[in-house]
Amino acid sequence: MRILEVITPSHYSGAERVVTYLSGELRRHGHEVLVATKPLPLLEEELARRGVPCRALALSGKWNPRVGSRLRWLIREFRPDLVHTHLSTATWWGAWAAHREGVPCVAHMHGMSSPWWYRRADLLVAPSRGVQDYLIGHGFPPVRAAVVYNGLDPTDFVGLPPAAEMRSRLGLPPGVPVIGVVAHLSPKKGHRVLLKAMVMLSAAYPDLHCLCLGRGPLLGSLRKQAARLGLSDRVWFLGYRHDALAVTQVFDVAVLPSVQKEGLGLCLIEAAFLGIPGAGSNAPGINEAVEHGVTGLLSPPGDAAALAAALDRLLGDPSLRARMGEAARQRAHQRFSLRGQAERTVEVFQRLLRRA
């Protein structure tokens, strides 16, 4: 099968990682894949590392008809069996271009953004039941919204540097407890809530460190908040890291304190593959990445005190952390494998092609 993946990113985060992982896995399954993207060096580098061909094009603007024209030209050149779009601009124009070239379009809706931009697609893929319910609630019939969980390749977690070595490389003091969040530094991810929870934990865990991986517009204000709260020496903003999985190994608990609904919460699944329990917001998407009381703990979105209590329970009980971490690892292998995602995605594609 020849598949054109189209994504219009503004930064490298969850949706972009899904495209990177899935495109590489589809190629390993024998499919021919080309990724069309707005210029984004980090995405282009990660695709190149996995041997996935990429075409960087000017694809900006929901009301820019040149986006559609450029995609029509690429479809004529590549001659895909199907166009698979990611994010709203890519879907709006990708579906338009695909239909004018007689090609079906599947849209992957990574979060709970406005579904209006996705209405042109023949079929939608939701990364969680939460997103599927959201689409159905906005009038999409269930037959048009298939659930395919995002997946990870277990081999990516083999051969990582030992956690102790990574602690030393990062300069973390020996033996200190560490929590971490891997997310774009934007308001919806809830970093401000996490910093407030850190203050509440300071008396019980005066040496608790928090590693924040990711870039984004809130970097400056989050640094100021950390300084104002007296956390500057214990909250580290590490930016984007190619070795994010190796860094994640040093977490005692992985955190995703989002104040809005998520598509799924890929960073919590990455941590689960490493045997690390999660602490997240009890919101659609996240509550499928973490099974409350089994693989981690959930708390109400925006509630810093409840988040602090969940972290206290996990940090203060090593045996509980170990049990939940192992349960998370087993669940991740069963439910969130990249091979399973690719196989299920191909099934969805074939179902649509049979209808076309």
Protein backbone atom coordinates (compact mmCIF):
# COMPACT_ATOMS: atom_id res chain seq x y z
CA MET A 1 0.00 0.00 0.00
CA ARG A 2 1.23 3.51 -0.83
CA ILE A 3 0.40 5.93 1.97
CA LEU A 4 0.84 9.70 2.01
CA GLU A 5 1.06 10.98 5.58
CA VAL A 6 0.31 14.72 5.88
CA ILE A 7 0.96 16.73 9.04
CA THR A 8 1.03 20.48 9.67
CA PRO A 9 2.95 20.87 12.95
CA SER A 10 3.89 23.97 14.90
CA HIS A 11 6.23 22.07 17.23
CA TYR A 12 7.51 18.55 17.85
CA SER A 13 5.27 16.91 20.40
CA GLY A 14 2.78 14.04 20.70
CA ALA A 15 1.17 14.08 17.24
CA GLU A 16 4.54 14.45 15.55
CA ARG A 17 5.99 11.53 17.52
CA VAL A 18 3.02 9.37 16.54
CA VAL A 19 3.63 10.15 12.86
CA THR A 20 7.34 9.37 13.27
CA TYR A 21 6.78 6.03 14.99
CA LEU A 22 3.85 4.91 12.86
CA SER A 23 5.45 5.82 9.53
CA GLY A 24 8.55 3.82 10.38
CA GLU A 25 6.49 0.82 11.46
CA LEU A 26 4.32 0.91 8.33
CA ARG A 27 7.49 0.83 6.24
CA ARG A 28 8.71 -2.18 8.22
CA HIS A 29 5.43 -3.87 7.34
CA GLY A 30 6.25 -3.39 3.64
CA HIS A 31 4.15 -0.32 2.88
CA GLU A 32 5.51 2.63 0.92
CA VAL A 33 5.20 5.80 2.98
CA LEU A 34 5.93 9.46 2.27
CA VAL A 35 5.46 12.16 4.91
CA ALA A 36 4.49 15.68 3.82
CA THR A 37 5.00 18.30 6.50
CA LYS A 38 5.47 21.96 7.16
CA PRO A 39 9.19 22.61 7.66
CA LEU A 40 10.06 21.44 11.17
CA PRO A 41 13.71 20.40 11.64
CA LEU A 42 13.07 18.17 14.66
CA LEU A 43 10.39 16.17 12.84
CA GLU A 44 12.50 15.91 9.70
CA GLU A 45 15.49 14.71 11.75
CA GLU A 46 13.46 12.07 13.59
CA LEU A 47 11.95 10.78 10.34
CA ALA A 48 15.40 10.59 8.77
CA ARG A 49 16.67 8.61 11.77
CA ARG A 50 13.99 6.00 10.99
CA GLY A 51 14.56 6.02 7.24
CA VAL A 52 11.20 7.59 6.41
CA PRO A 53 11.11 9.81 3.28
CA CYS A 54 9.87 13.32 3.98
CA ARG A 55 8.85 16.28 1.86
CA ALA A 56 8.85 19.68 3.60
CA LEU A 57 6.36 22.03 1.93
CA ALA A 58 4.73 25.39 2.65
CA LEU A 59 1.52 24.04 4.19
CA SER A 60 0.47 26.89 6.47
CA GLY A 61 -2.98 28.46 6.62
CA LYS A 62 -6.43 26.98 6.93
CA TRP A 63 -7.71 29.57 4.46
CA ASN A 64 -4.72 29.33 2.11
CA PRO A 65 -5.80 27.49 -1.08
CA ARG A 66 -2.16 27.06 -2.10
CA VAL A 67 -1.91 24.38 0.60
CA GLY A 68 -4.51 22.34 -1.25
CA SER A 69 -2.81 22.95 -4.59
CA ARG A 70 0.57 21.82 -3.24
CA LEU A 71 -0.96 18.66 -1.83
CA ARG A 72 -2.77 17.90 -5.10
CA TRP A 73 0.56 18.21 -6.91
CA LEU A 74 2.21 15.84 -4.42
CA ILE A 75 -0.63 13.32 -4.70
CA ARG A 76 -0.25 13.28 -8.48
CA GLU A 77 3.49 12.75 -8.12
CA PHE A 78 3.42 10.09 -5.38
CA ARG A 79 0.17 8.38 -6.47
CA PRO A 80 -0.87 7.08 -3.02
CA ASP A 81 -3.64 4.59 -2.43
CA LEU A 82 -4.70 6.66 0.56
CA VAL A 83 -3.98 9.97 2.28
CA HIS A 84 -3.61 9.90 6.08
CA THR A 85 -3.78 13.35 7.66
CA HIS A 86 -2.80 14.64 11.10
CA LEU A 87 -3.93 17.93 12.69
CA SER A 88 -6.57 20.31 11.47
CA THR A 89 -4.94 22.22 8.59
CA ALA A 90 -3.53 19.01 7.13
CA THR A 91 -6.96 17.40 7.28
CA TRP A 92 -8.89 20.36 5.89
CA TRP A 93 -6.71 20.64 2.80
CA GLY A 94 -5.46 17.05 2.65
CA ALA A 95 -8.99 15.67 2.36
CA TRP A 96 -9.90 18.34 -0.20
CA ALA A 97 -6.85 17.51 -2.34
CA ALA A 98 -7.31 13.75 -1.97
CA HIS A 99 -10.91 13.83 -3.10
CA ARG A 100 -10.11 15.95 -6.12
CA GLU A 101 -7.51 13.39 -7.12
CA GLY A 102 -9.88 10.48 -6.51
CA VAL A 103 -8.08 9.21 -3.40
CA PRO A 104 -9.74 8.46 -0.02
CA CYS A 105 -8.63 10.26 3.13
CA VAL A 106 -8.35 9.07 6.73
CA ALA A 107 -7.89 11.77 9.37
CA HIS A 108 -6.11 11.06 12.64
CA MET A 109 -7.54 13.31 15.36
CA HIS A 110 -4.89 13.44 18.08
CA GLY A 111 -6.81 15.53 20.59
CA MET A 112 -10.09 17.28 21.15
CA SER A 113 -9.75 20.24 18.86
CA SER A 114 -12.60 21.59 16.73
CA PRO A 115 -14.04 18.67 14.74
CA TRP A 116 -15.31 21.08 12.07
CA TRP A 117 -11.94 20.93 10.28
CA TYR A 118 -12.16 17.13 10.07
CA ARG A 119 -15.57 16.83 8.43
CA ARG A 120 -14.17 16.38 4.90
CA ALA A 121 -12.35 13.14 5.81
CA ASP A 122 -13.91 9.82 4.82
CA LEU A 123 -12.98 8.20 8.11
CA LEU A 124 -11.51 9.40 11.40
CA VAL A 125 -9.06 7.62 13.68
CA ALA A 126 -9.30 8.41 17.39
CA PRO A 127 -6.36 7.50 19.68
CA SER A 128 -8.69 6.80 22.61
CA ARG A 129 -12.30 6.16 23.49
CA GLY A 130 -12.35 9.66 24.94
CA VAL A 131 -11.66 11.21 21.54
CA GLN A 132 -14.14 8.84 19.88
CA ASP A 133 -16.85 9.89 22.34
CA TYR A 134 -15.98 13.52 21.67
CA LEU A 135 -16.45 13.03 17.92
CA ILE A 136 -19.71 11.17 18.35
CA GLY A 137 -20.90 13.93 20.66
CA HIS A 138 -20.27 16.40 17.83
CA GLY A 139 -22.41 14.50 15.39
CA PHE A 140 -20.00 12.06 13.74
CA PRO A 141 -21.64 8.64 13.38
CA PRO A 142 -19.76 5.86 15.22
CA VAL A 143 -19.02 4.10 11.93
CA ARG A 144 -16.86 7.10 10.91
CA ALA A 145 -14.75 7.16 14.10
CA ALA A 146 -12.49 4.17 14.73
CA VAL A 147 -10.38 3.82 17.89
CA VAL A 148 -6.72 2.93 17.33
CA TYR A 149 -4.51 3.32 20.39
CA ASN A 150 -1.15 4.97 19.79
CA GLY A 151 1.69 2.51 20.20
CA LEU A 152 5.39 2.31 20.94
CA ASP A 153 8.09 -0.06 19.76
CA PRO A 154 9.36 -2.16 22.69
CA THR A 155 12.79 -2.36 21.05
CA ASP A 156 13.20 1.41 21.54
CA PHE A 157 13.47 0.69 25.27
CA VAL A 158 16.24 -1.88 24.93
CA GLY A 159 19.88 -0.90 25.34
CA LEU A 160 19.26 2.45 27.01
CA PRO A 161 22.00 3.71 29.34
CA PRO A 162 21.35 2.63 32.94
CA ALA A 163 19.26 5.03 35.02
CA ALA A 164 22.16 5.56 37.42
CA GLU A 165 24.38 6.60 34.53
CA MET A 166 21.76 9.04 33.25
CA ARG A 167 21.42 10.56 36.73
CA SER A 168 25.17 11.13 36.74
CA ARG A 169 25.15 12.63 33.21
CA LEU A 170 22.36 15.01 34.19
CA GLY A 171 24.12 16.04 37.38
CA LEU A 172 21.34 14.94 39.70
CA PRO A 173 22.41 14.56 43.34
CA PRO A 174 22.69 10.88 44.31
CA GLY A 175 19.58 9.33 45.79
CA VAL A 176 17.18 12.26 45.37
CA PRO A 177 13.57 11.48 44.37
CA VAL A 178 12.75 12.57 40.82
CA ILE A 179 9.47 13.21 39.05
CA GLY A 180 9.20 14.28 35.44
CA VAL A 181 6.90 15.53 32.73
CA VAL A 182 7.49 15.24 28.97
CA ALA A 183 5.15 17.72 27.31
CA HIS A 184 4.97 20.90 25.29
CA LEU A 185 5.32 23.93 27.56
CA SER A 186 1.83 25.29 26.93
CA PRO A 187 -0.98 26.24 29.33
CA LYS A 188 -3.09 23.13 28.72
CA LYS A 189 -0.36 20.76 29.92
CA GLY A 190 -0.67 21.96 33.52
CA HIS A 191 2.94 22.68 34.43
CA ARG A 192 1.76 25.52 36.69
CA VAL A 193 -0.32 23.04 38.67
CA LEU A 194 2.68 20.74 39.02
CA LEU A 195 4.87 23.54 40.38
CA LYS A 196 2.23 24.34 43.00
CA ALA A 197 2.13 20.66 43.96
CA MET A 198 5.91 20.70 44.28
CA VAL A 199 5.66 23.45 46.91
CA MET A 200 3.12 21.40 48.87
CA LEU A 201 5.53 18.45 48.82
CA SER A 202 8.57 20.45 49.88
CA ALA A 203 8.24 19.79 53.62
CA ALA A 204 8.05 16.01 53.18
CA TYR A 205 10.46 15.86 50.22
CA PRO A 206 12.86 18.82 50.46
CA ASP A 207 15.19 17.25 47.89
CA LEU A 208 12.50 16.31 45.34
CA HIS A 209 13.57 17.22 41.80
CA CYS A 210 11.32 17.71 38.78
CA LEU A 211 12.59 17.36 35.19
CA CYS A 212 10.54 19.11 32.49
CA LEU A 213 11.29 17.92 28.96
CA GLY A 214 9.90 19.90 26.06
CA ARG A 215 9.82 23.32 24.47
CA GLY A 216 7.07 25.89 24.30
CA PRO A 217 5.87 29.44 24.85
CA LEU A 218 5.57 29.14 28.65
CA LEU A 219 9.27 28.50 29.29
CA GLY A 220 10.02 32.02 30.52
CA SER A 221 6.97 32.34 32.75
CA LEU A 222 7.42 28.84 34.19
CA ARG A 223 11.01 29.65 35.11
CA LYS A 224 9.79 32.81 36.83
CA GLN A 225 7.10 30.85 38.69
CA ALA A 226 9.66 28.28 39.83
CA ALA A 227 11.94 31.07 41.09
CA ARG A 228 9.08 32.82 42.88
CA LEU A 229 8.16 29.54 44.60
CA GLY A 230 11.76 28.85 45.62
CA LEU A 231 12.05 25.85 43.29
CA SER A 232 14.70 27.04 40.82
CA ASP A 233 17.32 24.60 42.08
CA ARG A 234 14.95 21.62 41.93
CA VAL A 235 12.90 22.18 38.76
CA TRP A 236 14.96 21.63 35.61
CA PHE A 237 13.80 22.70 32.16
CA LEU A 238 15.71 20.45 29.78
CA GLY A 239 14.11 21.41 26.47
CA TYR A 240 13.74 18.89 23.66
CA ARG A 241 15.93 15.79 24.06
CA HIS A 242 16.69 13.15 21.44
CA ASP A 243 17.42 10.88 24.42
CA ALA A 244 14.09 11.55 26.14
CA LEU A 245 13.51 7.85 26.81
CA ALA A 246 16.88 7.53 28.52
CA VAL A 247 16.11 10.59 30.63
CA THR A 248 12.65 9.26 31.49
CA GLN A 249 14.37 6.27 33.11
CA VAL A 250 15.45 8.43 36.04
CA PHE A 251 11.84 9.33 36.95
CA ASP A 252 10.39 7.72 40.03
CA VAL A 253 6.99 8.90 38.81
CA ALA A 254 5.96 10.26 35.40
CA VAL A 255 3.49 13.13 35.57
CA LEU A 256 0.99 14.61 33.10
CA PRO A 257 -1.05 17.26 34.95
CA SER A 258 -3.05 18.52 31.95
CA VAL A 259 -5.88 20.91 32.68
CA GLN A 260 -7.60 20.07 29.38
CA LYS A 261 -8.55 16.77 27.75
CA GLU A 262 -5.77 14.84 26.03
CA GLY A 263 -5.81 12.54 23.05
CA LEU A 264 -4.10 9.81 25.06
CA GLY A 265 -0.95 10.87 26.95
CA LEU A 266 1.94 9.27 25.07
CA CYS A 267 4.56 10.30 27.64
CA LEU A 268 2.76 8.24 30.30
CA ILE A 269 2.83 5.21 28.01
CA GLU A 270 6.56 5.72 27.38
CA ALA A 271 7.11 5.73 31.12
CA ALA A 272 4.94 2.61 31.47
CA PHE A 273 7.18 0.71 29.04
CA LEU A 274 10.03 1.59 31.40
CA GLY A 275 8.13 0.27 34.41
CA ILE A 276 7.43 3.73 35.83
CA PRO A 277 3.97 4.50 37.30
CA GLY A 278 2.08 7.58 36.22
CA ALA A 279 0.35 10.44 38.01
CA GLY A 280 -2.04 12.32 35.79
CA SER A 281 -5.26 14.24 35.50
CA ASN A 282 -8.45 12.22 35.62
CA ALA A 283 -9.55 13.37 32.19
CA PRO A 284 -10.50 11.60 28.95
CA GLY A 285 -7.45 10.22 27.22
CA ILE A 286 -5.19 10.31 30.28
CA ASN A 287 -7.52 7.98 32.15
CA GLU A 288 -6.91 5.41 29.41
CA ALA A 289 -3.12 5.79 29.53
CA VAL A 290 -3.17 5.28 33.32
CA GLU A 291 -5.44 2.79 35.04
CA HIS A 292 -6.18 4.44 38.37
CA GLY A 293 -5.03 2.42 41.34
CA VAL A 294 -3.36 -0.19 39.09
CA THR A 295 -0.70 1.50 36.95
CA GLY A 296 -0.71 4.88 38.66
CA LEU A 297 -2.92 7.47 40.28
CA LEU A 298 -5.28 10.06 38.81
CA SER A 299 -6.46 13.33 40.34
CA PRO A 300 -8.93 16.06 39.29
CA PRO A 301 -7.55 18.38 36.60
CA GLY A 302 -6.15 21.62 38.01
CA ASP A 303 -6.21 20.41 41.61
CA ALA A 304 -2.66 20.92 42.88
CA ALA A 305 -3.44 19.55 46.36
CA ALA A 306 -4.88 16.33 44.94
CA LEU A 307 -1.90 15.95 42.61
CA ALA A 308 0.47 16.48 45.54
CA ALA A 309 -1.39 13.81 47.53
CA ALA A 310 -1.09 11.33 44.66
CA LEU A 311 2.62 12.03 44.30
CA ASP A 312 3.12 11.75 48.05
CA ARG A 313 1.47 8.34 48.06
CA LEU A 314 3.69 7.09 45.25
CA LEU A 315 6.94 8.67 46.41
CA GLY A 316 6.43 7.55 49.98
CA ASP A 317 5.79 3.88 49.18
CA PRO A 318 8.54 2.23 47.08
CA SER A 319 6.77 -1.13 47.05
CA LEU A 320 3.57 0.46 45.71
CA ARG A 321 5.62 2.25 43.04
CA ALA A 322 7.25 -1.02 42.03
CA ARG A 323 3.93 -2.89 41.82
CA MET A 324 2.24 -0.17 39.81
CA GLY A 325 5.29 0.24 37.58
CA GLU A 326 5.34 -3.47 36.73
CA ALA A 327 1.58 -3.46 36.10
CA ALA A 328 2.09 -0.43 33.83
CA ARG A 329 4.81 -2.24 31.89
CA GLN A 330 2.67 -5.32 31.31
CA ARG A 331 -0.37 -3.27 30.29
CA ALA A 332 1.72 -1.16 27.90
CA HIS A 333 3.03 -4.24 26.09
CA GLN A 334 -0.47 -5.67 25.82
CA ARG A 335 -2.37 -2.54 24.78
CA PHE A 336 0.04 0.04 23.39
CA SER A 337 2.47 -1.76 21.07
CA LEU A 338 3.49 -0.04 17.86
CA ARG A 339 3.02 -3.26 15.93
CA GLY A 340 -0.57 -3.46 17.16
CA GLN A 341 -1.19 0.16 16.21
CA ALA A 342 0.20 -0.38 12.71
CA GLU A 343 -1.84 -3.55 12.16
CA ARG A 344 -5.03 -1.91 13.38
CA THR A 345 -4.33 1.21 11.27
CA VAL A 346 -3.86 -0.91 8.15
CA GLU A 347 -7.15 -2.68 8.91
CA VAL A 348 -8.88 0.71 9.03
CA PHE A 349 -7.22 1.74 5.76
CA GLN A 350 -8.23 -1.50 4.02
CA ARG A 351 -11.79 -1.16 5.25
CA LEU A 352 -12.02 2.27 3.67
CA LEU A 353 -10.35 1.16 0.43
CA ARG A 354 -12.85 -1.67 0.07
CA ARG A 355 -15.64 0.90 0.33
CA ALA A 356 -14.03 3.31 -2.13
